[in-house]
Amino acid sequence: MSARAVGAYVFVLAGWLVASAEAVPLGFAVVIACLLYAQGVRMIWVEAKENQR
């Protein structure tokens, strides 16, 4: 697994951790989690497209 793929999974994990944190206000946590999830999924998708070549 490449470093970029590992970074993508770290973004997804960070999104999950922010969403599950009770210390962060819910609305803020949802927005940050969605942004982190989206970035992680985009990175995974780009990695998959490059691996097809």
Protein backbone atom coordinates (compact mmCIF):
# COMPACT_ATOMS: atom_id res chain seq x y z
CA MET A 1 0.00 0.00 0.00
CA SER A 2 1.38 3.37 -0.96
CA ALA A 3 1.89 6.28 1.39
CA ARG A 4 -0.94 8.15 -0.32
CA ALA A 5 -3.36 5.28 0.33
CA VAL A 6 -2.32 5.18 3.98
CA GLY A 7 -2.91 8.93 4.18
CA ALA A 8 -6.38 8.49 2.69
CA TYR A 9 -7.32 5.92 5.31
CA VAL A 10 -5.97 8.25 8.02
CA PHE A 11 -8.36 10.97 6.75
CA VAL A 12 -11.29 8.53 6.91
CA LEU A 13 -10.30 7.41 10.42
CA ALA A 14 -9.92 11.04 11.54
CA GLY A 15 -13.40 11.80 10.24
CA TRP A 16 -14.82 8.91 12.24
CA LEU A 17 -12.96 10.00 15.39
CA VAL A 18 -14.19 13.60 15.10
CA ALA A 19 -17.76 12.40 14.52
CA SER A 20 -17.62 10.18 17.61
CA ALA A 21 -15.96 12.76 19.91
CA GLU A 22 -18.34 14.06 22.55
CA ALA A 23 -16.29 17.16 23.39
CA VAL A 24 -16.90 18.70 19.96
CA PRO A 25 -20.28 20.39 19.27
CA LEU A 26 -22.40 18.12 17.08
CA GLY A 27 -22.87 20.47 14.12
CA PHE A 28 -19.16 21.30 13.98
CA ALA A 29 -18.23 17.61 14.29
CA VAL A 30 -20.55 16.63 11.43
CA VAL A 31 -19.11 19.28 9.10
CA ILE A 32 -15.48 18.38 9.90
CA ALA A 33 -16.22 14.65 9.68
CA CYS A 34 -17.87 15.07 6.26
CA LEU A 35 -14.90 17.07 4.97
CA LEU A 36 -12.41 14.49 6.25
CA TYR A 37 -14.46 11.59 4.86
CA ALA A 38 -14.75 13.31 1.48
CA GLN A 39 -11.01 13.97 1.32
CA GLY A 40 -10.19 10.40 2.31
CA VAL A 41 -12.63 8.88 -0.18
CA ARG A 42 -11.31 11.15 -2.95
CA MET A 43 -7.74 10.09 -2.21
CA ILE A 44 -8.73 6.40 -2.22
CA TRP A 45 -10.56 6.88 -5.55
CA VAL A 46 -7.57 8.65 -7.13
CA GLU A 47 -5.26 5.87 -5.89
CA ALA A 48 -7.55 3.22 -7.39
CA LYS A 49 -7.69 5.03 -10.74
CA GLU A 50 -3.88 5.27 -10.87
CA ASN A 51 -3.53 1.58 -10.01
CA GLN A 52 -5.73 0.66 -13.00
CA ARG A 53 -3.22 2.19 -15.42
